[in-house]
């Protein structure tokens, strides 16, 4: 298995996950042209996708979903709440499959384990992907970790983990008070410290990769995010990857 990020942040998110002959895109917050460009630098193209999985309806995660699905005839998978918030029963003749946030399903060679998260959206979910041997956890857009989230991510060999903001930078920054409260609240986004605490609570004995994701341009830095995750693991910060907004993250193989 392997994974890569096309880009991660408040201006667009998309993650590629591959297992065997199966290739899925988690979210699509970019235009079709931008997805084509970003996938090309990873040696892939949208015509190779087997599915688009949508975590929730916020624009930085869904801006290009319907256009990409329609142009390349890629089936979409989402919870009923997310589909309702998007106002889609189908995308032309491209199916939109309803999933439960509590029930695993398979897309060809890929096992998908969705799990619900606290976030200010209709029915948000995040995912753990597996091929029967290894597991990759993808977690962004969550206000606070829950015991269920910890159980779902425990023992993964790879983690793409939200490190949205530094609390001091958020408090002292230019955001209006309401937005600061939303970002830092229980239905907002994980701080570096929260992400570090979550990582430190997991069984990471088999962890091969960890990448910080969904960093705020205004309220965080890659160095702070790396530092928080590295402290939780007791490792060199250089070992921690960062999925950036512009450059994304290159392929990471998980074996």
Foldseek 3Di string as FASTA:
>chain_A
DKKWWLFFAPQATWMWDDDDQAIEIEFTLDAQVSQQVSVVVQVDGLLSHQEYEYQAQDNRGHVHPLVSCVVNVHAYEYAPQRCVVVPDCARVPRHYHHDDQQDWDDDVQKIWRWHFAQAPGRTGIFIWIDRVPAIEGEDWQHQADDPVNQVRPAPHQEYAFEAAAALVQLVPFDDPPVVSCRQNDRRHTHHLQRRLVSLLVHHCVNHDAYEYGHYYPRGDDLVSNLVSNCVSVVHDSVRYHYQHRNNGGHMDDGD
